Amino acid sequence: MITVHHLNASRSLRILWLLEELELPYEIVRYQRDPKTLLAPPELKRVHPLGKSPVVEVDGEVLAESGAIIETLVERFGADRLAPPTGTPAFARYRYWLHYAEGSAMPPLLLKLVFDRIAAAPMPFFARPIARKIVDQAMTGFIGPQLKLHLAYLEGELARRDWFSGDAFSAADVQLSYPLEAARQRAGLNAADHPRLAGWLARIHARPAYQRALAREAA
């Protein structure tokens, strides 16, 4: 039995999608973020000490961290699907992108989210100019250039192939979906400047397994 501990508006949609791609049965236990803090509820700590999502239980074994969950599920249940053959250049690319998604792509996106929240937070009028200056310096000096760098890098990679690990869709594309969806929503990813990334997003949205995952999430 596979159980997904699913937090709304979180990385765990990727796991639902992966399970749909693998055509595996699974159950969903749902959790809702606190509307003010946007943090996960404390109930998730009963499943894993960090209280984060996704967390997956496979026959009683608790798995955490998106990349580790994806690797484990593909290795156990993939039957040579969703990952290139080991020892090939495509597999090396697959493993790289699987870990790049959280290790390199997500940090500047998370920083942007944090600084956007600082800029919008209520504060005394005399503190607002100081906070605004700090936010502007962070955005123009580091976060903005980093986001542009990563989007340009990702756009260039898709000039060589339709999918990130090679000519075939893989679980690395599933893993990259979260940072690229986040970039589309709040970091300037658009069809005019990033036509290949926009095309890639359109291709993943059209996949039947992706549509099924959205339906399961909304149910």
Protein backbone atom coordinates (compact mmCIF):
# COMPACT_ATOMS: atom_id res chain seq x y z
CA MET A 1 0.00 0.00 0.00
CA ILE A 2 1.24 3.49 -0.88
CA THR A 3 0.00 6.48 1.12
CA VAL A 4 0.83 10.05 0.15
CA HIS A 5 0.68 12.64 2.92
CA HIS A 6 -0.35 15.53 0.71
CA LEU A 7 -0.15 19.20 1.67
CA ASN A 8 -2.10 21.68 -0.44
CA ALA A 9 -0.02 23.98 -2.70
CA SER A 10 3.12 21.95 -2.17
CA ARG A 11 5.72 19.77 -3.81
CA SER A 12 3.65 16.67 -3.17
CA LEU A 13 1.62 17.16 -6.36
CA ARG A 14 4.73 15.81 -8.11
CA ILE A 15 4.41 12.56 -6.22
CA LEU A 16 0.75 12.15 -7.16
CA TRP A 17 1.73 12.75 -10.77
CA LEU A 18 4.60 10.25 -10.61
CA LEU A 19 2.32 7.59 -9.15
CA GLU A 20 -0.18 8.22 -11.94
CA GLU A 21 2.61 7.87 -14.52
CA LEU A 22 3.60 4.57 -12.89
CA GLU A 23 -0.07 3.50 -12.78
CA LEU A 24 0.22 2.56 -9.11
CA PRO A 25 -2.69 2.57 -6.66
CA TYR A 26 -2.32 4.96 -3.74
CA GLU A 27 -4.22 6.68 -0.99
CA ILE A 28 -4.06 10.37 -0.09
CA VAL A 29 -4.07 11.80 3.43
CA ARG A 30 -4.72 15.54 3.09
CA TYR A 31 -3.35 18.45 5.10
CA GLN A 32 -4.04 22.18 4.78
CA ARG A 33 -1.59 25.03 5.27
CA ASP A 34 -2.26 27.64 7.93
CA PRO A 35 -3.85 30.51 5.95
CA LYS A 36 -1.82 33.15 7.83
CA THR A 37 1.62 31.58 8.14
CA LEU A 38 1.32 29.25 5.10
CA LEU A 39 3.06 26.60 7.21
CA ALA A 40 2.09 22.95 7.30
CA PRO A 41 -0.09 21.85 10.23
CA PRO A 42 1.59 20.18 13.22
CA GLU A 43 -0.17 16.90 12.41
CA LEU A 44 2.44 16.22 9.72
CA LYS A 45 5.09 15.88 12.43
CA ARG A 46 3.37 12.71 13.55
CA VAL A 47 4.39 11.20 10.22
CA HIS A 48 7.87 12.73 9.92
CA PRO A 49 9.75 14.84 12.50
CA LEU A 50 10.28 17.77 10.11
CA GLY A 51 6.56 18.10 9.47
CA LYS A 52 6.97 18.76 5.76
CA SER A 53 5.37 17.38 2.62
CA PRO A 54 5.67 15.25 0.61
CA VAL A 55 5.95 12.25 2.85
CA VAL A 56 5.09 8.84 1.45
CA GLU A 57 4.51 5.56 3.22
CA VAL A 58 5.26 2.43 1.21
CA ASP A 59 4.22 -0.72 3.05
CA GLY A 60 4.87 1.04 6.36
CA GLU A 61 8.23 2.54 5.37
CA VAL A 62 8.28 6.35 5.59
CA LEU A 63 9.98 8.18 2.73
CA ALA A 64 10.71 11.92 2.71
CA GLU A 65 12.41 14.44 0.38
CA SER A 66 11.01 14.69 -3.13
CA GLY A 67 14.15 13.55 -4.94
CA ALA A 68 14.64 10.54 -2.68
CA ILE A 69 10.96 9.59 -2.95
CA ILE A 70 11.03 9.80 -6.73
CA GLU A 71 14.25 7.79 -7.02
CA THR A 72 12.93 5.11 -4.68
CA LEU A 73 9.55 4.76 -6.41
CA VAL A 74 11.10 4.62 -9.88
CA GLU A 75 13.69 2.05 -8.79
CA ARG A 76 11.11 -0.17 -7.07
CA PHE A 77 8.16 0.15 -9.41
CA GLY A 78 9.37 1.75 -12.61
CA ALA A 79 10.17 -1.45 -14.50
CA ASP A 80 12.54 0.51 -16.78
CA ARG A 81 10.06 3.36 -17.15
CA LEU A 82 10.66 7.02 -16.33
CA ALA A 83 14.45 6.69 -16.06
CA PRO A 84 17.08 6.03 -18.76
CA PRO A 85 19.21 2.88 -18.53
CA THR A 86 21.87 3.12 -15.83
CA GLY A 87 25.40 3.78 -17.02
CA THR A 88 24.31 5.83 -20.01
CA PRO A 89 24.87 9.57 -20.63
CA ALA A 90 21.10 10.00 -20.46
CA PHE A 91 21.05 8.49 -16.97
CA ALA A 92 23.78 10.87 -15.83
CA ARG A 93 21.69 13.79 -17.11
CA TYR A 94 18.61 12.31 -15.46
CA ARG A 95 20.30 12.10 -12.06
CA TYR A 96 21.74 15.59 -12.42
CA TRP A 97 18.37 17.22 -13.18
CA LEU A 98 16.66 15.19 -10.47
CA HIS A 99 18.91 16.84 -7.88
CA TYR A 100 19.37 20.21 -9.60
CA ALA A 101 15.65 20.92 -9.18
CA GLU A 102 15.84 21.30 -5.40
CA GLY A 103 19.56 21.86 -4.95
CA SER A 104 20.04 24.76 -7.40
CA ALA A 105 16.75 25.88 -8.94
CA MET A 106 14.63 26.22 -5.80
CA PRO A 107 16.84 28.37 -3.49
CA PRO A 108 16.54 31.64 -5.48
CA LEU A 109 12.80 31.03 -5.93
CA LEU A 110 12.40 30.51 -2.20
CA LEU A 111 14.40 33.66 -1.50
CA LYS A 112 12.13 35.61 -3.83
CA LEU A 113 9.07 34.32 -2.00
CA VAL A 114 10.57 35.30 1.36
CA PHE A 115 11.56 38.80 0.25
CA ASP A 116 8.21 39.36 -1.46
CA ARG A 117 6.52 38.54 1.83
CA ILE A 118 8.82 40.91 3.70
CA ALA A 119 7.96 43.70 1.25
CA ALA A 120 4.22 43.08 1.72
CA ALA A 121 4.29 42.59 5.50
CA PRO A 122 2.63 45.20 7.76
CA MET A 123 5.18 47.33 9.61
CA PRO A 124 5.54 50.81 11.15
CA PHE A 125 5.70 53.56 8.53
CA PHE A 126 9.24 54.57 9.56
CA ALA A 127 10.52 51.02 8.99
CA ARG A 128 9.02 50.58 5.52
CA PRO A 129 11.68 52.60 3.60
CA ILE A 130 14.44 50.59 5.29
CA ALA A 131 12.73 47.28 4.55
CA ARG A 132 12.07 48.33 0.96
CA LYS A 133 15.73 49.24 0.47
CA ILE A 134 16.88 45.88 1.83
CA VAL A 135 14.41 44.01 -0.39
CA ASP A 136 15.37 46.02 -3.48
CA GLN A 137 19.08 45.45 -2.90
CA ALA A 138 18.57 41.73 -2.42
CA MET A 139 16.40 41.47 -5.53
CA THR A 140 18.60 43.52 -7.84
CA GLY A 141 21.94 42.40 -6.45
CA PHE A 142 21.41 38.66 -6.15
CA ILE A 143 17.96 37.10 -6.43
CA GLY A 144 16.88 38.64 -9.73
CA PRO A 145 20.17 37.89 -11.54
CA GLN A 146 20.16 34.33 -10.21
CA LEU A 147 16.63 33.73 -11.45
CA LYS A 148 17.52 35.06 -14.91
CA LEU A 149 20.66 32.92 -14.97
CA HIS A 150 18.81 29.70 -14.14
CA LEU A 151 15.95 30.36 -16.56
CA ALA A 152 18.40 31.09 -19.37
CA TYR A 153 20.31 27.91 -18.52
CA LEU A 154 17.17 25.77 -18.53
CA GLU A 155 15.91 27.37 -21.73
CA GLY A 156 19.23 26.61 -23.42
CA GLU A 157 19.15 22.97 -22.34
CA LEU A 158 15.83 22.44 -24.09
CA ALA A 159 17.35 23.66 -27.36
CA ARG A 160 19.06 20.24 -27.50
CA ARG A 161 16.15 17.94 -26.63
CA ASP A 162 12.44 17.95 -25.80
CA TRP A 163 12.90 16.55 -22.29
CA PHE A 164 15.58 17.26 -19.74
CA SER A 165 17.25 13.86 -19.57
CA GLY A 166 17.01 13.12 -23.30
CA ASP A 167 14.50 12.43 -26.03
CA ALA A 168 12.08 10.66 -23.67
CA PHE A 169 10.05 11.98 -20.76
CA SER A 170 11.46 10.91 -17.38
CA ALA A 171 10.96 11.38 -13.66
CA ALA A 172 13.48 14.23 -13.85
CA ASP A 173 10.82 16.20 -15.72
CA VAL A 174 8.40 15.45 -12.89
CA GLN A 175 10.90 16.76 -10.36
CA LEU A 176 11.60 19.93 -12.35
CA SER A 177 7.91 20.74 -12.68
CA TYR A 178 7.67 22.40 -9.26
CA PRO A 179 10.43 25.01 -9.66
CA LEU A 180 9.38 25.78 -13.22
CA GLU A 181 5.72 26.18 -12.27
CA ALA A 182 6.87 28.46 -9.44
CA ALA A 183 9.01 30.44 -11.89
CA ARG A 184 6.03 30.83 -14.21
CA GLN A 185 3.89 32.16 -11.37
CA ARG A 186 6.31 34.57 -9.73
CA ALA A 187 9.71 34.77 -11.43
CA GLY A 188 9.11 35.88 -14.99
CA LEU A 189 8.99 32.62 -16.93
CA ASN A 190 6.88 33.45 -19.99
CA ALA A 191 6.41 32.28 -23.57
CA ALA A 192 7.91 35.43 -25.09
CA ASP A 193 11.25 35.17 -23.30
CA HIS A 194 11.34 31.41 -22.69
CA PRO A 195 9.48 29.70 -25.55
CA ARG A 196 11.10 26.29 -25.00
CA LEU A 197 10.30 26.24 -21.29
CA ALA A 198 6.75 27.37 -22.04
CA GLY A 199 6.46 24.56 -24.58
CA TRP A 200 7.79 22.07 -22.05
CA LEU A 201 5.19 23.21 -19.51
CA ALA A 202 2.47 22.81 -22.13
CA ARG A 203 3.67 19.26 -22.87
CA ILE A 204 3.62 18.19 -19.23
CA HIS A 205 0.19 19.76 -18.68
CA ALA A 206 -1.14 17.73 -21.61
CA ARG A 207 0.00 14.38 -20.21
CA PRO A 208 -2.97 12.24 -19.12
CA ALA A 209 -1.20 11.24 -15.89
CA TYR A 210 -0.70 14.89 -14.99
CA GLN A 211 -4.39 15.57 -15.57
CA ARG A 212 -5.32 12.59 -13.42
CA ALA A 213 -3.07 13.84 -10.62
CA LEU A 214 -4.74 17.25 -10.70
CA ALA A 215 -8.12 15.55 -10.50
CA ARG A 216 -7.05 13.42 -7.55
CA GLU A 217 -5.65 16.48 -5.78
CA ALA A 218 -8.89 18.40 -6.27
CA ALA A 219 -11.19 15.53 -5.32
